[in-house]
Amino acid sequence: MKKLSYDASKEQLIDDFKVVVADAEALLKATANQSGEKFAEVRAKAEESLGVAKARMAEAQAALLIQTKAAAKATDVYVHDNPWQAIGVAAGFSLVIGLLIGRR
């Protein structure tokens, strides 16, 4: 269960980082008309860092996708190998959720 939470937070981090990257790209485009040697140097460094960060996030996203597919496949194999146990677990979770909802 902790692994699922970690994967969800990792996905949220990727989504948040994509927003930051998009905002940084917009800022770089908006300041393209500014002049000055120091400004151009900082802008080039920011573009380079942004490119590296985007590449790393693409790798992390691909790794997350591979892990998610592997988990789904393992779950599918388990359910096909142990159908009655899977039904029992699902019934147990349903009972607990029903009891929790019924208390309100």
C-alpha atoms as a PDB file:
ATOM      1  CA  MET A   1       0.000   0.000   0.000  1.00  0.00           C
ATOM      2  CA  LYS A   2       2.893   2.357   0.759  1.00  0.00           C
ATOM      3  CA  LYS A   3       4.303   1.678  -2.730  1.00  0.00           C
ATOM      4  CA  LEU A   4       1.049   2.910  -4.305  1.00  0.00           C
ATOM      5  CA  SER A   5       1.224   6.098  -2.245  1.00  0.00           C
ATOM      6  CA  TYR A   6       4.835   6.625  -3.306  1.00  0.00           C
ATOM      7  CA  ASP A   7       3.940   6.136  -6.977  1.00  0.00           C
ATOM      8  CA  ALA A   8       1.027   8.575  -6.678  1.00  0.00           C
ATOM      9  CA  SER A   9       3.223  11.213  -5.045  1.00  0.00           C
ATOM     10  CA  LYS A  10       5.865  10.619  -7.708  1.00  0.00           C
ATOM     11  CA  GLU A  11       3.243  11.164 -10.390  1.00  0.00           C
ATOM     12  CA  GLN A  12       2.101  14.369  -8.675  1.00  0.00           C
ATOM     13  CA  LEU A  13       5.712  15.556  -8.508  1.00  0.00           C
ATOM     14  CA  ILE A  14       6.122  14.959 -12.239  1.00  0.00           C
ATOM     15  CA  ASP A  15       2.929  16.891 -12.974  1.00  0.00           C
ATOM     16  CA  ASP A  16       3.978  19.765 -10.718  1.00  0.00           C
ATOM     17  CA  PHE A  17       7.419  19.885 -12.291  1.00  0.00           C
ATOM     18  CA  LYS A  18       5.886  20.039 -15.772  1.00  0.00           C
ATOM     19  CA  VAL A  19       3.967  23.146 -14.692  1.00  0.00           C
ATOM     20  CA  VAL A  20       7.162  24.736 -13.348  1.00  0.00           C
ATOM     21  CA  VAL A  21       9.005  23.944 -16.588  1.00  0.00           C
ATOM     22  CA  ALA A  22       6.206  25.436 -18.672  1.00  0.00           C
ATOM     23  CA  ASP A  23       6.241  28.605 -16.547  1.00  0.00           C
ATOM     24  CA  ALA A  24      10.031  28.879 -16.835  1.00  0.00           C
ATOM     25  CA  GLU A  25       9.834  28.477 -20.612  1.00  0.00           C
ATOM     26  CA  ALA A  26       7.196  31.204 -20.777  1.00  0.00           C
ATOM     27  CA  LEU A  27       9.397  33.479 -18.680  1.00  0.00           C
ATOM     28  CA  LEU A  28      12.385  32.860 -20.955  1.00  0.00           C
ATOM     29  CA  LYS A  29      10.292  33.642 -24.033  1.00  0.00           C
ATOM     30  CA  ALA A  30       8.887  36.795 -22.449  1.00  0.00           C
ATOM     31  CA  THR A  31      12.372  38.098 -21.630  1.00  0.00           C
ATOM     32  CA  ALA A  32      13.873  37.268 -25.023  1.00  0.00           C
ATOM     33  CA  ASN A  33      13.906  40.954 -26.042  1.00  0.00           C
ATOM     34  CA  GLN A  34      15.974  42.026 -23.030  1.00  0.00           C
ATOM     35  CA  SER A  35      19.537  42.990 -23.822  1.00  0.00           C
ATOM     36  CA  GLY A  36      22.795  42.796 -21.969  1.00  0.00           C
ATOM     37  CA  GLU A  37      25.667  40.354 -21.901  1.00  0.00           C
ATOM     38  CA  LYS A  38      25.056  39.199 -18.328  1.00  0.00           C
ATOM     39  CA  PHE A  39      21.348  38.721 -19.006  1.00  0.00           C
ATOM     40  CA  ALA A  40      22.077  36.635 -22.118  1.00  0.00           C
ATOM     41  CA  GLU A  41      24.507  34.487 -20.135  1.00  0.00           C
ATOM     42  CA  VAL A  42      21.990  33.837 -17.362  1.00  0.00           C
ATOM     43  CA  ARG A  43      19.294  33.126 -19.929  1.00  0.00           C
ATOM     44  CA  ALA A  44      21.494  30.577 -21.760  1.00  0.00           C
ATOM     45  CA  LYS A  45      22.347  28.851 -18.483  1.00  0.00           C
ATOM     46  CA  ALA A  46      18.661  28.715 -17.524  1.00  0.00           C
ATOM     47  CA  GLU A  47      17.742  27.220 -20.901  1.00  0.00           C
ATOM     48  CA  GLU A  48      20.450  24.569 -20.519  1.00  0.00           C
ATOM     49  CA  SER A  49      19.328  23.674 -16.987  1.00  0.00           C
ATOM     50  CA  LEU A  50      15.743  23.527 -18.141  1.00  0.00           C
ATOM     51  CA  GLY A  51      16.660  21.125 -20.934  1.00  0.00           C
ATOM     52  CA  VAL A  52      18.498  18.826 -18.529  1.00  0.00           C
ATOM     53  CA  ALA A  53      15.598  18.898 -16.075  1.00  0.00           C
ATOM     54  CA  LYS A  54      13.091  18.089 -18.821  1.00  0.00           C
ATOM     55  CA  ALA A  55      15.192  15.114 -19.937  1.00  0.00           C
ATOM     56  CA  ARG A  56      15.447  13.769 -16.386  1.00  0.00           C
ATOM     57  CA  MET A  57      11.711  14.129 -15.831  1.00  0.00           C
ATOM     58  CA  ALA A  58      11.005  12.295 -19.081  1.00  0.00           C
ATOM     59  CA  GLU A  59      13.210   9.445 -17.838  1.00  0.00           C
ATOM     60  CA  ALA A  60      11.434   9.413 -14.464  1.00  0.00           C
ATOM     61  CA  GLN A  61       8.053   9.384 -16.171  1.00  0.00           C
ATOM     62  CA  ALA A  62       9.099   6.474 -18.406  1.00  0.00           C
ATOM     63  CA  ALA A  63      10.366   4.540 -15.369  1.00  0.00           C
ATOM     64  CA  LEU A  64       7.100   5.192 -13.537  1.00  0.00           C
ATOM     65  CA  LEU A  65       5.130   3.942 -16.529  1.00  0.00           C
ATOM     66  CA  ILE A  66       7.194   0.742 -16.643  1.00  0.00           C
ATOM     67  CA  GLN A  67       6.661   0.158 -12.900  1.00  0.00           C
ATOM     68  CA  THR A  68       2.930   0.765 -13.214  1.00  0.00           C
ATOM     69  CA  LYS A  69       2.619  -1.684 -16.097  1.00  0.00           C
ATOM     70  CA  ALA A  70       4.620  -4.301 -14.176  1.00  0.00           C
ATOM     71  CA  ALA A  71       2.391  -3.905 -11.115  1.00  0.00           C
ATOM     72  CA  ALA A  72      -0.746  -4.207 -13.237  1.00  0.00           C
ATOM     73  CA  LYS A  73       0.606  -7.337 -14.921  1.00  0.00           C
ATOM     74  CA  ALA A  74       1.556  -8.897 -11.568  1.00  0.00           C
ATOM     75  CA  THR A  75      -1.926  -8.153 -10.222  1.00  0.00           C
ATOM     76  CA  ASP A  76      -3.540  -9.662 -13.309  1.00  0.00           C
ATOM     77  CA  VAL A  77      -1.453 -12.834 -13.028  1.00  0.00           C
ATOM     78  CA  TYR A  78      -2.209 -13.152  -9.303  1.00  0.00           C
ATOM     79  CA  VAL A  79      -5.955 -12.731  -9.798  1.00  0.00           C
ATOM     80  CA  HIS A  80      -5.976 -15.314 -12.591  1.00  0.00           C
ATOM     81  CA  ASP A  81      -3.943 -17.766 -10.500  1.00  0.00           C
ATOM     82  CA  ASN A  82      -5.952 -17.192  -7.287  1.00  0.00           C
ATOM     83  CA  PRO A  83      -9.487 -16.114  -8.235  1.00  0.00           C
ATOM     84  CA  TRP A  84     -11.187 -17.109  -4.984  1.00  0.00           C
ATOM     85  CA  GLN A  85      -8.621 -15.363  -2.819  1.00  0.00           C
ATOM     86  CA  ALA A  86      -9.015 -12.222  -4.933  1.00  0.00           C
ATOM     87  CA  ILE A  87     -12.793 -12.383  -4.533  1.00  0.00           C
ATOM     88  CA  GLY A  88     -12.384 -12.840  -0.773  1.00  0.00           C
ATOM     89  CA  VAL A  89     -10.065  -9.841  -0.480  1.00  0.00           C
ATOM     90  CA  ALA A  90     -12.406  -7.689  -2.574  1.00  0.00           C
ATOM     91  CA  ALA A  91     -15.375  -8.779  -0.430  1.00  0.00           C
ATOM     92  CA  GLY A  92     -13.446  -7.950   2.741  1.00  0.00           C
ATOM     93  CA  PHE A  93     -12.534  -4.477   1.521  1.00  0.00           C
ATOM     94  CA  SER A  94     -16.119  -3.908   0.414  1.00  0.00           C
ATOM     95  CA  LEU A  95     -17.388  -4.923   3.847  1.00  0.00           C
ATOM     96  CA  VAL A  96     -14.987  -2.558   5.635  1.00  0.00           C
ATOM     97  CA  ILE A  97     -15.837   0.342   3.313  1.00  0.00           C
ATOM     98  CA  GLY A  98     -19.551  -0.383   3.715  1.00  0.00           C
ATOM     99  CA  LEU A  99     -19.217  -0.351   7.497  1.00  0.00           C
ATOM    100  CA  LEU A 100     -17.280   2.918   7.442  1.00  0.00           C
ATOM    101  CA  ILE A 101     -19.825   4.587   5.161  1.00  0.00           C
ATOM    102  CA  GLY A 102     -22.698   3.228   7.237  1.00  0.00           C
ATOM    103  CA  ARG A 103     -21.364   4.849  10.413  1.00  0.00           C
ATOM    104  CA  ARG A 104     -21.900   8.355   9.094  1.00  0.00           C
END
